[in-house]
Structure formats: structure tokens, C-alpha cells
Amino acid sequence: MNAEEGTLLRTLEGRVNQLALEYKALKDRYAEQSRVLEEKEQTIGTLRSQISRLQTDYANLKTAKMLDISSGEMKNAKARVSRLVREVDKCIALLNV
């Protein structure tokens, strides 16, 4: 083997070593990115379930509020009817006198 071939061989070995190091660095980076992606997907899943739970809670709260308003209106309606019945009873009592 002559000097030129030896130089080419050392250059090739250097480049192969550099390529191997770059491959290892990229492989490590890919593993790290995969781990980060998995964490983000877990976070997204958790947040989606939380959103779903909050939407259900909100719907239940709206329903409860509607029922509260309805029961409040029922109390007012009962009070008005009672007042009207008392007035009618007074009128009937006045007519019977």
C-alpha cells in the first residue's frame, strides 16, 4: 500500500468514525424527542379528559341553575295564587254579609 492509499484509508476511517458519532447523536436525539412526544401526548390526553369532565360539570350546573330558577318561579307563582285565593275569599265573604 502506498502513501496515497494510506492517506485515503485514514480519511475514510475518519469520516466513517465521524458518521458513526453523528448517527449515535441523532439516535440519542430521536430517543429524547420520542420521550418528549410521549409526555406531550399523555398531557394532551389528561387535558382532554379534564375538558370533558368540565363540560359535563358545566352542563350539570346549567341544568341545576334552570331548576333553581324554575323552583323560584314556582314559589312566586304559589304565593300569587295564594294571594288571589285570599282576595277571592274576602270578596265572597263580603258578598255573603
C-alpha atoms as a PDB file:
ATOM      1  CA  MET A   1       0.000   0.000   0.000  1.00  0.00           C
ATOM      2  CA  ASN A   2       1.459   3.345  -0.956  1.00  0.00           C
ATOM      3  CA  ALA A   3       1.268   6.646   0.937  1.00  0.00           C
ATOM      4  CA  GLU A   4      -1.670   7.969  -1.103  1.00  0.00           C
ATOM      5  CA  GLU A   5      -3.765   4.888  -0.379  1.00  0.00           C
ATOM      6  CA  GLY A   6      -2.873   5.107   3.322  1.00  0.00           C
ATOM      7  CA  THR A   7      -3.954   8.732   3.425  1.00  0.00           C
ATOM      8  CA  LEU A   8      -7.226   7.894   1.658  1.00  0.00           C
ATOM      9  CA  LEU A   9      -7.802   4.993   4.072  1.00  0.00           C
ATOM     10  CA  ARG A  10      -7.222   7.213   7.131  1.00  0.00           C
ATOM     11  CA  THR A  11      -9.517   9.857   5.657  1.00  0.00           C
ATOM     12  CA  LEU A  12     -12.186   7.209   5.028  1.00  0.00           C
ATOM     13  CA  GLU A  13     -11.796   5.840   8.574  1.00  0.00           C
ATOM     14  CA  GLY A  14     -12.098   9.364   9.995  1.00  0.00           C
ATOM     15  CA  ARG A  15     -15.239  10.043   8.008  1.00  0.00           C
ATOM     16  CA  VAL A  16     -16.748   6.675   8.974  1.00  0.00           C
ATOM     17  CA  ASN A  17     -15.995   7.413  12.643  1.00  0.00           C
ATOM     18  CA  GLN A  18     -17.495  10.892  12.301  1.00  0.00           C
ATOM     19  CA  LEU A  19     -20.557   9.388  10.608  1.00  0.00           C
ATOM     20  CA  ALA A  20     -20.897   6.829  13.412  1.00  0.00           C
ATOM     21  CA  LEU A  21     -20.710   9.611  16.025  1.00  0.00           C
ATOM     22  CA  GLU A  22     -23.298  11.681  14.180  1.00  0.00           C
ATOM     23  CA  TYR A  23     -25.536   8.605  13.880  1.00  0.00           C
ATOM     24  CA  LYS A  24     -25.283   7.987  17.651  1.00  0.00           C
ATOM     25  CA  ALA A  25     -26.035  11.650  18.389  1.00  0.00           C
ATOM     26  CA  LEU A  26     -29.066  11.578  16.077  1.00  0.00           C
ATOM     27  CA  LYS A  27     -30.237   8.300  17.592  1.00  0.00           C
ATOM     28  CA  ASP A  28     -29.997   9.791  21.097  1.00  0.00           C
ATOM     29  CA  ARG A  29     -31.791  12.930  19.939  1.00  0.00           C
ATOM     30  CA  TYR A  30     -34.538  10.828  18.346  1.00  0.00           C
ATOM     31  CA  ALA A  31     -34.978   8.861  21.582  1.00  0.00           C
ATOM     32  CA  GLU A  32     -35.224  12.102  23.565  1.00  0.00           C
ATOM     33  CA  GLN A  33     -37.713  13.584  21.099  1.00  0.00           C
ATOM     34  CA  SER A  34     -39.783  10.385  21.245  1.00  0.00           C
ATOM     35  CA  ARG A  35     -39.850  10.591  25.044  1.00  0.00           C
ATOM     36  CA  VAL A  36     -40.894  14.256  24.936  1.00  0.00           C
ATOM     37  CA  LEU A  37     -43.591  13.456  22.372  1.00  0.00           C
ATOM     38  CA  GLU A  38     -44.962  10.664  24.549  1.00  0.00           C
ATOM     39  CA  GLU A  39     -45.082  13.002  27.556  1.00  0.00           C
ATOM     40  CA  LYS A  40     -46.908  15.621  25.482  1.00  0.00           C
ATOM     41  CA  GLU A  41     -49.413  13.022  24.268  1.00  0.00           C
ATOM     42  CA  GLN A  42     -50.065  11.967  27.856  1.00  0.00           C
ATOM     43  CA  THR A  43     -50.556  15.600  28.836  1.00  0.00           C
ATOM     44  CA  ILE A  44     -52.952  16.102  25.929  1.00  0.00           C
ATOM     45  CA  GLY A  45     -54.913  13.014  26.963  1.00  0.00           C
ATOM     46  CA  THR A  46     -55.139  14.259  30.539  1.00  0.00           C
ATOM     47  CA  LEU A  47     -56.263  17.704  29.400  1.00  0.00           C
ATOM     48  CA  ARG A  48     -58.870  16.244  27.040  1.00  0.00           C
ATOM     49  CA  SER A  49     -60.362  14.161  29.838  1.00  0.00           C
ATOM     50  CA  GLN A  50     -60.335  17.239  32.081  1.00  0.00           C
ATOM     51  CA  ILE A  51     -62.099  19.260  29.372  1.00  0.00           C
ATOM     52  CA  SER A  52     -64.712  16.525  29.016  1.00  0.00           C
ATOM     53  CA  ARG A  53     -65.262  16.426  32.780  1.00  0.00           C
ATOM     54  CA  LEU A  54     -65.538  20.214  32.962  1.00  0.00           C
ATOM     55  CA  GLN A  55     -68.016  20.301  30.082  1.00  0.00           C
ATOM     56  CA  THR A  56     -70.157  17.728  31.887  1.00  0.00           C
ATOM     57  CA  ASP A  57     -69.918  19.726  35.107  1.00  0.00           C
ATOM     58  CA  TYR A  58     -70.891  22.884  33.233  1.00  0.00           C
ATOM     59  CA  ALA A  59     -73.910  21.190  31.645  1.00  0.00           C
ATOM     60  CA  ASN A  60     -74.979  19.893  35.061  1.00  0.00           C
ATOM     61  CA  LEU A  61     -74.546  23.350  36.566  1.00  0.00           C
ATOM     62  CA  LYS A  62     -76.679  24.896  33.813  1.00  0.00           C
ATOM     63  CA  THR A  63     -79.378  22.295  34.427  1.00  0.00           C
ATOM     64  CA  ALA A  64     -79.257  22.889  38.185  1.00  0.00           C
ATOM     65  CA  LYS A  65     -79.477  26.645  37.628  1.00  0.00           C
ATOM     66  CA  MET A  66     -82.505  26.187  35.356  1.00  0.00           C
ATOM     67  CA  LEU A  67     -84.179  24.038  38.004  1.00  0.00           C
ATOM     68  CA  ASP A  68     -83.338  26.620  40.660  1.00  0.00           C
ATOM     69  CA  ILE A  69     -84.917  29.359  38.584  1.00  0.00           C
ATOM     70  CA  SER A  70     -87.937  27.163  37.950  1.00  0.00           C
ATOM     71  CA  SER A  71     -88.382  26.353  41.642  1.00  0.00           C
ATOM     72  CA  GLY A  72     -88.014  30.053  42.489  1.00  0.00           C
ATOM     73  CA  GLU A  73     -90.643  30.902  39.934  1.00  0.00           C
ATOM     74  CA  MET A  74     -92.844  28.157  41.368  1.00  0.00           C
ATOM     75  CA  LYS A  75     -92.619  29.728  44.832  1.00  0.00           C
ATOM     76  CA  ASN A  76     -93.578  33.117  43.393  1.00  0.00           C
ATOM     77  CA  ALA A  77     -96.436  31.583  41.423  1.00  0.00           C
ATOM     78  CA  LYS A  78     -97.744  29.749  44.517  1.00  0.00           C
ATOM     79  CA  ALA A  79     -97.558  32.967  46.535  1.00  0.00           C
ATOM     80  CA  ARG A  80     -99.510  34.870  43.842  1.00  0.00           C
ATOM     81  CA  VAL A  81    -102.142  32.153  43.650  1.00  0.00           C
ATOM     82  CA  SER A  82    -102.488  32.137  47.452  1.00  0.00           C
ATOM     83  CA  ARG A  83    -102.909  35.917  47.459  1.00  0.00           C
ATOM     84  CA  LEU A  84    -105.538  35.706  44.744  1.00  0.00           C
ATOM     85  CA  VAL A  85    -107.408  32.972  46.638  1.00  0.00           C
ATOM     86  CA  ARG A  86    -107.412  35.113  49.805  1.00  0.00           C
ATOM     87  CA  GLU A  87    -108.738  38.071  47.816  1.00  0.00           C
ATOM     88  CA  VAL A  88    -111.466  35.917  46.285  1.00  0.00           C
ATOM     89  CA  ASP A  89    -112.355  34.581  49.754  1.00  0.00           C
ATOM     90  CA  LYS A  90    -112.609  38.154  51.052  1.00  0.00           C
ATOM     91  CA  CYS A  91    -114.861  39.087  48.151  1.00  0.00           C
ATOM     92  CA  ILE A  92    -117.079  36.061  48.776  1.00  0.00           C
ATOM     93  CA  ALA A  93    -117.222  36.917  52.485  1.00  0.00           C
ATOM     94  CA  LEU A  94    -118.257  40.499  51.652  1.00  0.00           C
ATOM     95  CA  LEU A  95    -120.968  39.242  49.307  1.00  0.00           C
ATOM     96  CA  ASN A  96    -122.381  36.927  51.987  1.00  0.00           C
ATOM     97  CA  VAL A  97    -122.772  39.701  54.504  1.00  0.00           C
END
